[in-house]
Structure formats: structure tokens, C-alpha cells
Amino acid sequence: MGVGARATLVAVLVTLLVSALSGSAAPAGSGHRAGPPAPPGALASPEVASYRSARDYASVPVPVRVRVPAAGVDSALQPLGRNPDGTIAVPDNPDVAGWFSEGPRPGQPGPSVILGHVDSTKGPAVFFNVSRLSPGAEIWVDGADGSSRAFRVTGVTRVAKTEFPTDLVYLPTLQPTLRLVTCGGTFDRTAGSYRDNVIVFADPA
């Protein structure tokens, strides 16, 4: 996966979390714009609408590190915003994971999303082994205040980027949930990216 790569998922990121936390609805007719071909191995970068939670979650620290012992992951977390075209930015460094900072923090109600590259032109990247995780594997997210929050994998799925399961990933929950997203499947040399996404689902341990 190229450094700073951007690509878009052919899916509508329905911001259902707004309904659960702030009572507002996702904009009707919001769609996904196609972008230019991504560099080799580019991580998909979904488009999202802006949203704000009406609640105050000051007690939940900003996440600064993610650890997945079973996958050999021990990485700082880069805060990720959005690109000018509305897509989620991806980590600048293939060896560093990123947390979508406009979504819930790990430990807040709702799905917190962490993205990472699977590889780069130099070799395996930070999330190279996450597709091999099994239910029950532990994920730890460390906060800026020194705290750690444990999550346990409940499932791992691989889906075509053209069939990204928006509802499953972004479905609002009353409890904290965690999603790890990376690339997978076969590599499309014409498009310059992987054809699939690997999604890891995890709940508080």
C-alpha cells in the first residue's frame, strides 16, 4: 500500500450513529464518488458525512496506540480526518495505524474505526496479519491518559470493496464496539489496489 494513498469504497457510509447519539438522520441521497486509481495496495477510503455527538464523552481518552498480540500489531495511532473530497484519510505511514477521529473514541458507545495498510511497495505493513485473527483474540487500545481498553474479536470477514457492508460496520450500538479495516483479496493491477476489504469486528472484553 502506498504512503498517503487514497481510494474510495463504492458504498454509501450511512451515518446511523447520528441517530443513536444525537437524534439527527443521515442525509438522503448521499453517495460515493469515484476517485482516480489508487497507488499499489491502497487502503479503501470511504466517504462519510459530518456528524457530532450531542453527548459529552470527556471521560474517554483520545486513543494513541493499538495492540493486537495475535497479529503482531503494536502501533501508535495517527488521528485520521477527511480528505477534501469527503473520503476518510488513510495513515501516512504503512507501519502506523490510524483512528477515524470524527467517529467515536474506543470506549464510547458506537463503532470506533481503526484503519491500517496491509502492505506497501516495501513489504508487509501494520495490518498484514489481521485477516488471520480468530474470534476471541484480544485487541488493546491505549489512551492518552495511560489507560488501556480491551476488546475481543467476534468475527473477521472479507468483502468486495464494491459490496462494503456499511450497515454492519457503522450500525449504531449502545455499547462500545471496534472495527479494524484493511485491504485483502487479490490485487487488481489495472486499478492499482486490492479488490477486497478485510473487516475485524470486536466488542469490549
N, C-alpha and C. Protein backbone atom coordinates (compact mmCIF):
# COMPACT_ATOMS: atom_id res chain seq x y z
N MET A 1 0.82 -1.20 0.00
CA MET A 1 0.00 0.00 0.00
C MET A 1 0.86 1.26 0.00
N GLY A 2 0.59 2.19 -0.86
CA GLY A 2 1.39 3.39 -0.98
C GLY A 2 1.17 4.33 0.20
N VAL A 3 2.19 5.07 0.54
CA VAL A 3 2.09 6.04 1.62
C VAL A 3 1.13 7.14 1.23
N GLY A 4 0.21 7.47 2.12
CA GLY A 4 -0.73 8.55 1.86
C GLY A 4 -1.73 8.21 0.77
N ALA A 5 -1.93 6.91 0.48
CA ALA A 5 -2.82 6.54 -0.62
C ALA A 5 -4.26 6.85 -0.30
N ARG A 6 -5.01 7.21 -1.36
CA ARG A 6 -6.43 7.47 -1.19
C ARG A 6 -7.20 6.69 -2.24
N ALA A 7 -8.27 6.08 -1.77
CA ALA A 7 -9.17 5.42 -2.71
C ALA A 7 -10.54 5.52 -2.09
N THR A 8 -11.57 5.21 -2.83
CA THR A 8 -12.92 5.29 -2.29
C THR A 8 -13.62 3.98 -2.41
N LEU A 9 -14.46 3.66 -1.42
CA LEU A 9 -15.30 2.47 -1.48
C LEU A 9 -16.53 2.82 -2.27
N VAL A 10 -17.00 1.88 -3.08
CA VAL A 10 -18.23 2.12 -3.83
C VAL A 10 -19.35 1.71 -2.89
N ALA A 11 -19.61 2.59 -1.91
CA ALA A 11 -20.65 2.30 -0.91
C ALA A 11 -21.07 3.59 -0.28
N VAL A 12 -22.26 3.62 0.28
CA VAL A 12 -22.75 4.79 1.00
C VAL A 12 -22.49 4.58 2.46
N LEU A 13 -21.71 5.47 3.09
CA LEU A 13 -21.46 5.34 4.52
C LEU A 13 -22.59 6.03 5.26
N VAL A 14 -23.56 5.24 5.65
CA VAL A 14 -24.74 5.77 6.31
C VAL A 14 -24.38 6.10 7.74
N THR A 15 -24.45 7.35 8.09
CA THR A 15 -24.03 7.76 9.43
C THR A 15 -25.16 7.53 10.42
N LEU A 16 -25.46 6.23 10.63
CA LEU A 16 -26.53 5.85 11.53
C LEU A 16 -26.21 6.19 12.98
N LEU A 17 -24.92 6.35 13.28
CA LEU A 17 -24.55 6.67 14.64
C LEU A 17 -25.14 7.98 15.11
N VAL A 18 -25.40 8.87 14.15
CA VAL A 18 -26.02 10.15 14.49
C VAL A 18 -27.38 9.93 15.13
N SER A 19 -28.14 9.01 14.58
CA SER A 19 -29.48 8.77 15.09
C SER A 19 -29.43 8.26 16.52
N ALA A 20 -28.42 7.43 16.80
CA ALA A 20 -28.34 6.84 18.13
C ALA A 20 -27.85 7.82 19.17
N LEU A 21 -26.95 8.72 18.80
CA LEU A 21 -26.32 9.59 19.78
C LEU A 21 -26.87 11.00 19.79
N SER A 22 -27.27 11.53 18.63
CA SER A 22 -27.70 12.92 18.60
C SER A 22 -29.08 13.12 18.01
N GLY A 23 -29.69 12.04 17.50
CA GLY A 23 -31.06 12.13 17.03
C GLY A 23 -31.21 12.66 15.63
N SER A 24 -30.15 13.00 14.94
CA SER A 24 -30.26 13.50 13.57
C SER A 24 -30.10 12.36 12.60
N ALA A 25 -30.61 12.55 11.39
CA ALA A 25 -30.61 11.47 10.41
C ALA A 25 -29.52 11.69 9.38
N ALA A 26 -29.10 10.60 8.75
CA ALA A 26 -28.12 10.70 7.68
C ALA A 26 -28.74 11.40 6.50
N PRO A 27 -27.99 12.19 5.76
CA PRO A 27 -28.54 12.93 4.62
C PRO A 27 -29.03 12.00 3.54
N ALA A 28 -30.21 12.30 3.01
CA ALA A 28 -30.77 11.49 1.94
C ALA A 28 -29.97 11.69 0.67
N GLY A 29 -29.81 10.60 -0.07
CA GLY A 29 -29.16 10.70 -1.37
C GLY A 29 -27.66 10.86 -1.31
N SER A 30 -27.07 10.73 -0.10
CA SER A 30 -25.61 10.83 -0.04
C SER A 30 -25.02 9.64 -0.75
N GLY A 31 -24.00 9.87 -1.55
CA GLY A 31 -23.45 8.80 -2.36
C GLY A 31 -21.96 8.71 -2.25
N HIS A 32 -21.40 7.90 -3.10
CA HIS A 32 -19.97 7.68 -3.08
C HIS A 32 -19.38 8.10 -4.41
N ARG A 33 -18.39 8.95 -4.37
CA ARG A 33 -17.79 9.44 -5.59
C ARG A 33 -16.59 8.59 -5.97
N ALA A 34 -16.49 8.29 -7.21
CA ALA A 34 -15.34 7.54 -7.69
C ALA A 34 -14.14 8.47 -7.78
N GLY A 35 -12.97 7.96 -7.42
CA GLY A 35 -11.77 8.77 -7.47
C GLY A 35 -10.79 8.19 -8.46
N PRO A 36 -9.63 8.80 -8.60
CA PRO A 36 -8.61 8.30 -9.52
C PRO A 36 -8.04 6.99 -9.02
N PRO A 37 -7.45 6.18 -9.88
CA PRO A 37 -6.85 4.92 -9.45
C PRO A 37 -5.86 5.16 -8.32
N ALA A 38 -5.91 4.28 -7.31
CA ALA A 38 -5.03 4.43 -6.15
C ALA A 38 -3.68 3.79 -6.43
N PRO A 39 -2.67 4.21 -5.70
CA PRO A 39 -1.36 3.58 -5.83
C PRO A 39 -1.46 2.12 -5.42
N PRO A 40 -0.44 1.31 -5.72
CA PRO A 40 -0.49 -0.12 -5.40
C PRO A 40 -0.85 -0.37 -3.95
N GLY A 41 -1.84 -1.26 -3.76
CA GLY A 41 -2.21 -1.68 -2.41
C GLY A 41 -2.95 -0.64 -1.62
N ALA A 42 -3.52 0.37 -2.25
CA ALA A 42 -4.13 1.46 -1.50
C ALA A 42 -5.28 0.97 -0.64
N LEU A 43 -5.34 1.45 0.59
CA LEU A 43 -6.43 1.14 1.51
C LEU A 43 -7.65 1.92 1.09
N ALA A 44 -8.80 1.26 1.09
CA ALA A 44 -10.03 1.94 0.72
C ALA A 44 -10.31 3.08 1.68
N SER A 45 -10.83 4.17 1.16
CA SER A 45 -11.08 5.36 1.95
C SER A 45 -12.52 5.80 1.77
N PRO A 46 -13.43 5.34 2.66
CA PRO A 46 -14.85 5.62 2.48
C PRO A 46 -15.21 7.07 2.72
N GLU A 47 -16.28 7.49 2.07
CA GLU A 47 -16.79 8.85 2.24
C GLU A 47 -17.80 8.88 3.37
N VAL A 48 -17.75 9.87 4.20
CA VAL A 48 -18.67 9.96 5.33
C VAL A 48 -19.23 11.36 5.42
N ALA A 49 -20.38 11.48 6.04
CA ALA A 49 -20.97 12.79 6.29
C ALA A 49 -20.52 13.27 7.66
N SER A 50 -20.52 14.58 7.86
CA SER A 50 -20.14 15.13 9.15
C SER A 50 -21.20 14.77 10.18
N TYR A 51 -20.76 14.52 11.37
CA TYR A 51 -21.71 14.34 12.45
C TYR A 51 -21.06 14.73 13.77
N ARG A 52 -21.87 15.09 14.71
CA ARG A 52 -21.42 15.44 16.04
C ARG A 52 -22.30 14.74 17.06
N SER A 53 -21.70 14.29 18.12
CA SER A 53 -22.48 13.71 19.19
C SER A 53 -22.97 14.81 20.11
N ALA A 54 -24.22 14.70 20.54
CA ALA A 54 -24.78 15.70 21.44
C ALA A 54 -24.33 15.44 22.87
N ARG A 55 -23.69 14.30 23.12
CA ARG A 55 -23.27 13.95 24.46
C ARG A 55 -21.81 14.31 24.69
N ASP A 56 -21.45 14.40 25.94
CA ASP A 56 -20.08 14.74 26.32
C ASP A 56 -19.37 13.47 26.78
N TYR A 57 -18.31 13.09 26.08
CA TYR A 57 -17.57 11.89 26.44
C TYR A 57 -16.16 12.24 26.91
N ALA A 58 -16.04 13.32 27.63
CA ALA A 58 -14.72 13.79 28.04
C ALA A 58 -13.98 12.76 28.88
N SER A 59 -14.70 11.83 29.52
CA SER A 59 -14.05 10.85 30.38
C SER A 59 -13.33 9.76 29.58
N VAL A 60 -13.60 9.70 28.28
CA VAL A 60 -12.95 8.70 27.43
C VAL A 60 -11.75 9.35 26.75
N PRO A 61 -10.55 8.84 27.01
CA PRO A 61 -9.35 9.50 26.46
C PRO A 61 -9.20 9.28 24.97
N VAL A 62 -8.44 10.15 24.35
CA VAL A 62 -8.07 10.01 22.95
C VAL A 62 -7.19 8.76 22.80
N PRO A 63 -7.49 7.88 21.85
CA PRO A 63 -6.65 6.69 21.66
C PRO A 63 -5.31 7.06 21.01
N VAL A 64 -4.25 6.48 21.53
CA VAL A 64 -2.92 6.80 21.00
C VAL A 64 -2.15 5.57 20.55
N ARG A 65 -2.67 4.38 20.87
CA ARG A 65 -1.94 3.17 20.48
C ARG A 65 -2.90 1.99 20.37
N VAL A 66 -2.63 1.09 19.42
CA VAL A 66 -3.41 -0.14 19.29
C VAL A 66 -2.45 -1.32 19.34
N ARG A 67 -2.86 -2.36 20.08
CA ARG A 67 -2.03 -3.56 20.21
C ARG A 67 -2.89 -4.79 19.95
N VAL A 68 -2.43 -5.63 19.05
CA VAL A 68 -3.13 -6.88 18.73
C VAL A 68 -2.08 -7.99 18.79
N PRO A 69 -1.85 -8.57 19.96
CA PRO A 69 -0.75 -9.54 20.10
C PRO A 69 -0.81 -10.69 19.12
N ALA A 70 -2.00 -11.22 18.84
CA ALA A 70 -2.10 -12.39 17.96
C ALA A 70 -1.74 -12.07 16.51
N ALA A 71 -1.75 -10.79 16.16
CA ALA A 71 -1.40 -10.38 14.79
C ALA A 71 -0.07 -9.64 14.73
N GLY A 72 0.62 -9.58 15.86
CA GLY A 72 1.91 -8.89 15.89
C GLY A 72 1.80 -7.39 15.71
N VAL A 73 0.66 -6.81 16.11
CA VAL A 73 0.45 -5.36 15.95
C VAL A 73 0.75 -4.65 17.26
N ASP A 74 1.59 -3.66 17.20
CA ASP A 74 1.86 -2.76 18.32
C ASP A 74 2.21 -1.42 17.70
N SER A 75 1.18 -0.58 17.51
CA SER A 75 1.36 0.63 16.70
C SER A 75 0.78 1.85 17.37
N ALA A 76 1.48 2.96 17.19
CA ALA A 76 0.88 4.25 17.55
C ALA A 76 -0.33 4.47 16.65
N LEU A 77 -1.23 5.35 17.07
CA LEU A 77 -2.42 5.65 16.28
C LEU A 77 -2.36 7.09 15.78
N GLN A 78 -2.43 7.22 14.47
CA GLN A 78 -2.49 8.53 13.84
C GLN A 78 -3.95 8.97 13.75
N PRO A 79 -4.32 10.16 14.27
CA PRO A 79 -5.70 10.63 14.10
C PRO A 79 -5.97 10.87 12.61
N LEU A 80 -7.09 10.36 12.13
CA LEU A 80 -7.45 10.50 10.72
C LEU A 80 -8.69 11.37 10.59
N GLY A 81 -8.61 12.34 9.72
CA GLY A 81 -9.76 13.15 9.39
C GLY A 81 -10.29 12.76 8.04
N ARG A 82 -10.63 13.78 7.24
CA ARG A 82 -11.16 13.51 5.91
C ARG A 82 -10.39 14.30 4.87
N ASN A 83 -10.34 13.75 3.67
CA ASN A 83 -9.73 14.43 2.55
C ASN A 83 -10.69 15.51 2.03
N PRO A 84 -10.20 16.43 1.21
CA PRO A 84 -11.07 17.49 0.68
C PRO A 84 -12.30 16.96 -0.06
N ASP A 85 -12.21 15.74 -0.61
CA ASP A 85 -13.36 15.19 -1.34
C ASP A 85 -14.33 14.45 -0.42
N GLY A 86 -14.09 14.48 0.88
CA GLY A 86 -15.00 13.86 1.82
C GLY A 86 -14.66 12.44 2.21
N THR A 87 -13.65 11.85 1.59
CA THR A 87 -13.27 10.49 1.94
C THR A 87 -12.42 10.49 3.20
N ILE A 88 -12.44 9.36 3.90
CA ILE A 88 -11.61 9.23 5.09
C ILE A 88 -10.15 9.17 4.67
N ALA A 89 -9.33 9.95 5.32
CA ALA A 89 -7.90 9.89 5.06
C ALA A 89 -7.36 8.55 5.56
N VAL A 90 -6.25 8.12 5.02
CA VAL A 90 -5.62 6.88 5.46
C VAL A 90 -4.26 7.21 6.07
N PRO A 91 -3.71 6.30 6.86
CA PRO A 91 -2.43 6.59 7.51
C PRO A 91 -1.33 6.96 6.51
N ASP A 92 -0.50 7.91 6.91
CA ASP A 92 0.61 8.34 6.06
C ASP A 92 1.70 7.29 5.96
N ASN A 93 1.86 6.54 7.05
CA ASN A 93 2.94 5.56 7.16
C ASN A 93 2.35 4.16 7.14
N PRO A 94 2.79 3.27 6.24
CA PRO A 94 2.23 1.92 6.19
C PRO A 94 2.46 1.11 7.46
N ASP A 95 3.40 1.55 8.29
CA ASP A 95 3.68 0.83 9.53
C ASP A 95 2.93 1.40 10.73
N VAL A 96 2.06 2.38 10.49
CA VAL A 96 1.31 3.02 11.58
C VAL A 96 -0.18 2.96 11.26
N ALA A 97 -0.98 2.55 12.23
CA ALA A 97 -2.43 2.51 12.07
C ALA A 97 -3.02 3.89 12.34
N GLY A 98 -4.27 4.07 11.94
CA GLY A 98 -4.93 5.35 12.15
C GLY A 98 -6.34 5.18 12.67
N TRP A 99 -6.77 6.09 13.50
CA TRP A 99 -8.12 6.07 14.06
C TRP A 99 -8.92 7.22 13.47
N PHE A 100 -10.15 6.93 12.98
CA PHE A 100 -11.01 7.95 12.40
C PHE A 100 -11.54 8.83 13.53
N SER A 101 -10.93 10.01 13.67
CA SER A 101 -11.18 10.86 14.83
C SER A 101 -12.51 11.58 14.82
N GLU A 102 -13.24 11.53 13.71
CA GLU A 102 -14.57 12.13 13.69
C GLU A 102 -15.64 11.14 14.14
N GLY A 103 -15.24 9.91 14.39
CA GLY A 103 -16.15 8.90 14.92
C GLY A 103 -15.95 8.74 16.42
N PRO A 104 -16.63 7.78 17.03
CA PRO A 104 -16.49 7.56 18.47
C PRO A 104 -15.07 7.16 18.84
N ARG A 105 -14.65 7.55 20.02
CA ARG A 105 -13.40 7.05 20.55
C ARG A 105 -13.62 5.63 21.06
N PRO A 106 -12.60 4.78 21.01
CA PRO A 106 -12.75 3.44 21.58
C PRO A 106 -13.13 3.54 23.06
N GLY A 107 -14.26 2.97 23.39
CA GLY A 107 -14.80 3.09 24.74
C GLY A 107 -16.06 3.90 24.80
N GLN A 108 -16.34 4.69 23.77
CA GLN A 108 -17.60 5.41 23.66
C GLN A 108 -18.64 4.52 22.98
N PRO A 109 -19.92 4.71 23.26
CA PRO A 109 -20.95 3.96 22.55
C PRO A 109 -20.83 4.17 21.04
N GLY A 110 -20.95 3.09 20.30
CA GLY A 110 -20.87 3.18 18.86
C GLY A 110 -19.61 2.54 18.32
N PRO A 111 -19.51 2.46 17.00
CA PRO A 111 -18.37 1.80 16.37
C PRO A 111 -17.18 2.73 16.18
N SER A 112 -16.08 2.38 16.80
CA SER A 112 -14.83 3.10 16.58
C SER A 112 -14.06 2.37 15.49
N VAL A 113 -13.54 3.12 14.52
CA VAL A 113 -12.92 2.51 13.34
C VAL A 113 -11.43 2.83 13.29
N ILE A 114 -10.63 1.78 13.18
CA ILE A 114 -9.18 1.91 13.04
C ILE A 114 -8.77 1.30 11.70
N LEU A 115 -8.04 2.07 10.92
CA LEU A 115 -7.61 1.63 9.59
C LEU A 115 -6.11 1.40 9.57
N GLY A 116 -5.69 0.45 8.76
CA GLY A 116 -4.27 0.19 8.60
C GLY A 116 -3.98 -0.44 7.25
N HIS A 117 -2.81 -0.18 6.72
CA HIS A 117 -2.40 -0.77 5.44
C HIS A 117 -2.01 -2.24 5.64
N VAL A 118 -2.21 -3.03 4.61
CA VAL A 118 -1.82 -4.44 4.67
C VAL A 118 -0.40 -4.63 4.16
N ASP A 119 0.01 -3.81 3.21
CA ASP A 119 1.38 -3.88 2.72
C ASP A 119 1.72 -2.59 1.99
N SER A 120 2.93 -2.54 1.50
CA SER A 120 3.38 -1.39 0.73
C SER A 120 4.38 -1.90 -0.31
N THR A 121 4.94 -1.00 -1.06
CA THR A 121 5.93 -1.42 -2.06
C THR A 121 7.19 -1.99 -1.39
N LYS A 122 7.32 -1.75 -0.08
CA LYS A 122 8.50 -2.23 0.64
C LYS A 122 8.25 -3.56 1.35
N GLY A 123 6.99 -4.01 1.39
CA GLY A 123 6.71 -5.28 2.06
C GLY A 123 5.50 -5.18 2.97
N PRO A 124 5.35 -6.14 3.90
CA PRO A 124 4.20 -6.17 4.80
C PRO A 124 4.08 -4.88 5.62
N ALA A 125 2.82 -4.48 5.88
CA ALA A 125 2.56 -3.27 6.66
C ALA A 125 1.89 -3.65 7.98
N VAL A 126 1.42 -2.64 8.70
CA VAL A 126 0.98 -2.80 10.08
C VAL A 126 -0.14 -3.82 10.25
N PHE A 127 -1.08 -3.91 9.32
CA PHE A 127 -2.21 -4.83 9.46
C PHE A 127 -2.07 -6.07 8.58
N PHE A 128 -0.85 -6.45 8.28
CA PHE A 128 -0.60 -7.57 7.38
C PHE A 128 -1.24 -8.86 7.88
N ASN A 129 -1.27 -9.06 9.19
CA ASN A 129 -1.75 -10.33 9.75
C ASN A 129 -3.15 -10.27 10.36
N VAL A 130 -3.83 -9.14 10.29
CA VAL A 130 -5.13 -9.06 10.98
C VAL A 130 -6.17 -9.98 10.34
N SER A 131 -6.03 -10.31 9.07
CA SER A 131 -7.01 -11.20 8.43
C SER A 131 -6.96 -12.61 9.02
N ARG A 132 -5.88 -12.92 9.73
CA ARG A 132 -5.73 -14.25 10.31
C ARG A 132 -6.24 -14.34 11.75
N LEU A 133 -6.78 -13.25 12.25
CA LEU A 133 -7.30 -13.26 13.62
C LEU A 133 -8.50 -14.19 13.73
N SER A 134 -8.65 -14.78 14.89
CA SER A 134 -9.78 -15.66 15.18
C SER A 134 -10.63 -15.06 16.28
N PRO A 135 -11.91 -15.42 16.33
CA PRO A 135 -12.76 -14.95 17.44
C PRO A 135 -12.11 -15.26 18.79
N GLY A 136 -12.16 -14.28 19.65
CA GLY A 136 -11.54 -14.43 20.97
C GLY A 136 -10.21 -13.72 21.10
N ALA A 137 -9.58 -13.40 19.97
CA ALA A 137 -8.30 -12.68 20.03
C ALA A 137 -8.50 -11.31 20.67
N GLU A 138 -7.52 -10.88 21.43
CA GLU A 138 -7.62 -9.61 22.15
C GLU A 138 -7.04 -8.45 21.36
N ILE A 139 -7.70 -7.31 21.49
CA ILE A 139 -7.21 -6.05 20.94
C ILE A 139 -7.18 -5.06 22.09
N TRP A 140 -6.07 -4.38 22.24
CA TRP A 140 -5.93 -3.37 23.29
C TRP A 140 -5.75 -2.00 22.66
N VAL A 141 -6.50 -1.03 23.18
CA VAL A 141 -6.35 0.35 22.73
C VAL A 141 -5.94 1.19 23.93
N ASP A 142 -4.79 1.82 23.81
CA ASP A 142 -4.25 2.64 24.90
C ASP A 142 -4.66 4.09 24.72
N GLY A 143 -5.05 4.73 25.83
CA GLY A 143 -5.46 6.12 25.80
C GLY A 143 -4.35 7.07 26.16
N ALA A 144 -4.56 8.34 25.86
CA ALA A 144 -3.55 9.37 26.14
C ALA A 144 -3.31 9.54 27.63
N ASP A 145 -4.25 9.08 28.46
CA ASP A 145 -4.11 9.21 29.90
C ASP A 145 -3.41 8.01 30.53
N GLY A 146 -2.94 7.08 29.71
CA GLY A 146 -2.24 5.90 30.22
C GLY A 146 -3.15 4.70 30.44
N SER A 147 -4.43 4.85 30.22
CA SER A 147 -5.36 3.74 30.40
C SER A 147 -5.33 2.81 29.20
N SER A 148 -5.86 1.61 29.38
CA SER A 148 -5.96 0.63 28.29
C SER A 148 -7.36 0.04 28.29
N ARG A 149 -7.91 -0.12 27.10
CA ARG A 149 -9.24 -0.72 26.95
C ARG A 149 -9.10 -1.99 26.12
N ALA A 150 -9.68 -3.07 26.64
CA ALA A 150 -9.56 -4.37 25.99
C ALA A 150 -10.81 -4.67 25.17
N PHE A 151 -10.60 -5.20 23.98
CA PHE A 151 -11.67 -5.66 23.11
C PHE A 151 -11.35 -7.09 22.70
N ARG A 152 -12.40 -7.83 22.36
CA ARG A 152 -12.23 -9.21 21.95
C ARG A 152 -12.86 -9.41 20.57
N VAL A 153 -12.12 -10.03 19.66
CA VAL A 153 -12.60 -10.24 18.30
C VAL A 153 -13.82 -11.16 18.32
N THR A 154 -14.87 -10.73 17.62
CA THR A 154 -16.07 -11.55 17.49
C THR A 154 -16.21 -12.13 16.09
N GLY A 155 -15.50 -11.56 15.13
CA GLY A 155 -15.58 -12.09 13.77
C GLY A 155 -14.66 -11.35 12.83
N VAL A 156 -14.30 -12.02 11.74
CA VAL A 156 -13.47 -11.43 10.70
C VAL A 156 -14.12 -11.77 9.35
N THR A 157 -14.26 -10.78 8.51
CA THR A 157 -14.88 -11.03 7.20
C THR A 157 -14.09 -10.34 6.10
N ARG A 158 -14.18 -10.88 4.91
CA ARG A 158 -13.56 -10.27 3.73
C ARG A 158 -14.65 -10.04 2.70
N VAL A 159 -14.75 -8.81 2.23
CA VAL A 159 -15.81 -8.45 1.30
C VAL A 159 -15.24 -7.65 0.13
N ALA A 160 -15.90 -7.75 -1.00
CA ALA A 160 -15.50 -6.94 -2.14
C ALA A 160 -15.73 -5.47 -1.81
N LYS A 161 -14.83 -4.62 -2.26
CA LYS A 161 -14.97 -3.19 -1.98
C LYS A 161 -16.25 -2.62 -2.59
N THR A 162 -16.72 -3.26 -3.65
CA THR A 162 -17.97 -2.81 -4.27
C THR A 162 -19.19 -3.24 -3.48
N GLU A 163 -19.00 -4.09 -2.47
CA GLU A 163 -20.12 -4.57 -1.65
C GLU A 163 -19.84 -4.34 -0.17
N PHE A 164 -19.22 -3.23 0.13
CA PHE A 164 -18.84 -2.94 1.51
C PHE A 164 -20.09 -2.93 2.40
N PRO A 165 -20.07 -3.69 3.54
CA PRO A 165 -21.25 -3.80 4.40
C PRO A 165 -21.39 -2.60 5.34
N THR A 166 -21.83 -1.50 4.79
CA THR A 166 -21.92 -0.26 5.55
C THR A 166 -22.67 -0.41 6.86
N ASP A 167 -23.84 -1.05 6.80
CA ASP A 167 -24.65 -1.19 8.00
C ASP A 167 -23.94 -1.98 9.08
N LEU A 168 -23.23 -3.04 8.68
CA LEU A 168 -22.55 -3.85 9.67
C LEU A 168 -21.41 -3.10 10.35
N VAL A 169 -20.72 -2.29 9.58
CA VAL A 169 -19.56 -1.57 10.13
C VAL A 169 -19.98 -0.35 10.93
N TYR A 170 -20.97 0.39 10.44
CA TYR A 170 -21.32 1.67 11.05
C TYR A 170 -22.65 1.64 11.79
N LEU A 171 -23.25 0.45 11.95
CA LEU A 171 -24.51 0.34 12.67
C LEU A 171 -24.35 0.86 14.08
N PRO A 172 -25.21 1.77 14.54
CA PRO A 172 -25.06 2.32 15.89
C PRO A 172 -25.28 1.25 16.94
N THR A 173 -24.51 1.35 18.00
CA THR A 173 -24.65 0.42 19.12
C THR A 173 -24.67 1.21 20.41
N LEU A 174 -25.35 0.68 21.40
CA LEU A 174 -25.38 1.33 22.70
C LEU A 174 -24.10 1.07 23.47
N GLN A 175 -23.40 0.01 23.11
CA GLN A 175 -22.15 -0.34 23.75
C GLN A 175 -20.98 0.00 22.83
N PRO A 176 -19.80 0.19 23.40
CA PRO A 176 -18.63 0.45 22.55
C PRO A 176 -18.32 -0.77 21.67
N THR A 177 -17.99 -0.52 20.43
CA THR A 177 -17.53 -1.58 19.54
C THR A 177 -16.31 -1.08 18.78
N LEU A 178 -15.59 -2.00 18.21
CA LEU A 178 -14.36 -1.64 17.50
C LEU A 178 -14.32 -2.36 16.16
N ARG A 179 -13.85 -1.65 15.13
CA ARG A 179 -13.68 -2.23 13.80
C ARG A 179 -12.25 -1.94 13.33
N LEU A 180 -11.58 -2.97 12.86
CA LEU A 180 -10.29 -2.81 12.19
C LEU A 180 -10.53 -3.05 10.70
N VAL A 181 -10.03 -2.16 9.86
CA VAL A 181 -10.26 -2.26 8.42
C VAL A 181 -8.94 -2.20 7.67
N THR A 182 -8.76 -3.12 6.74
CA THR A 182 -7.58 -3.11 5.89
C THR A 182 -7.96 -3.68 4.52
N CYS A 183 -6.98 -3.88 3.67
CA CYS A 183 -7.23 -4.46 2.35
C CYS A 183 -6.98 -5.96 2.36
N GLY A 184 -7.51 -6.63 1.34
CA GLY A 184 -7.31 -8.07 1.23
C GLY A 184 -7.72 -8.58 -0.13
N GLY A 185 -7.67 -9.89 -0.27
CA GLY A 185 -8.06 -10.50 -1.54
C GLY A 185 -6.96 -10.38 -2.57
N THR A 186 -7.36 -10.42 -3.82
CA THR A 186 -6.40 -10.34 -4.92
C THR A 186 -6.12 -8.89 -5.30
N PHE A 187 -4.98 -8.71 -5.92
CA PHE A 187 -4.56 -7.36 -6.29
C PHE A 187 -4.95 -7.07 -7.74
N ASP A 188 -5.64 -5.97 -7.93
CA ASP A 188 -6.05 -5.53 -9.27
C ASP A 188 -4.98 -4.59 -9.82
N ARG A 189 -4.16 -5.09 -10.72
CA ARG A 189 -3.05 -4.28 -11.23
C ARG A 189 -3.54 -3.12 -12.09
N THR A 190 -4.66 -3.30 -12.73
CA THR A 190 -5.20 -2.22 -13.54
C THR A 190 -5.64 -1.05 -12.68
N ALA A 191 -6.36 -1.34 -11.59
CA ALA A 191 -6.83 -0.30 -10.69
C ALA A 191 -5.75 0.14 -9.72
N GLY A 192 -4.75 -0.71 -9.52
CA GLY A 192 -3.68 -0.38 -8.59
C GLY A 192 -4.08 -0.52 -7.14
N SER A 193 -5.00 -1.46 -6.85
CA SER A 193 -5.45 -1.65 -5.46
C SER A 193 -5.97 -3.06 -5.28
N TYR A 194 -6.14 -3.44 -4.02
CA TYR A 194 -6.75 -4.74 -3.72
C TYR A 194 -8.25 -4.67 -3.99
N ARG A 195 -8.81 -5.82 -4.33
CA ARG A 195 -10.22 -5.86 -4.69
C ARG A 195 -11.14 -5.93 -3.46
N ASP A 196 -10.61 -6.35 -2.33
CA ASP A 196 -11.45 -6.59 -1.15
C ASP A 196 -11.02 -5.75 0.04
N ASN A 197 -11.89 -5.74 1.03
CA ASN A 197 -11.57 -5.20 2.35
C ASN A 197 -11.67 -6.34 3.36
N VAL A 198 -10.80 -6.33 4.34
CA VAL A 198 -10.88 -7.23 5.49
C VAL A 198 -11.38 -6.38 6.66
N ILE A 199 -12.41 -6.87 7.35
CA ILE A 199 -13.01 -6.15 8.47
C ILE A 199 -12.99 -7.04 9.69
N VAL A 200 -12.41 -6.56 10.76
CA VAL A 200 -12.40 -7.26 12.04
C VAL A 200 -13.40 -6.60 12.97
N PHE A 201 -14.31 -7.38 13.52
CA PHE A 201 -15.31 -6.88 14.46
C PHE A 201 -14.91 -7.27 15.87
N ALA A 202 -15.01 -6.33 16.80
CA ALA A 202 -14.63 -6.63 18.18
C ALA A 202 -15.54 -5.89 19.15
N ASP A 203 -15.78 -6.53 20.30
CA ASP A 203 -16.58 -5.96 21.38
C ASP A 203 -15.72 -5.85 22.63
N PRO A 204 -16.14 -5.04 23.60
CA PRO A 204 -15.37 -4.94 24.85
C PRO A 204 -15.16 -6.30 25.48
N ALA A 205 -13.97 -6.53 25.98
CA ALA A 205 -13.64 -7.82 26.60
C ALA A 205 -14.19 -7.87 28.02
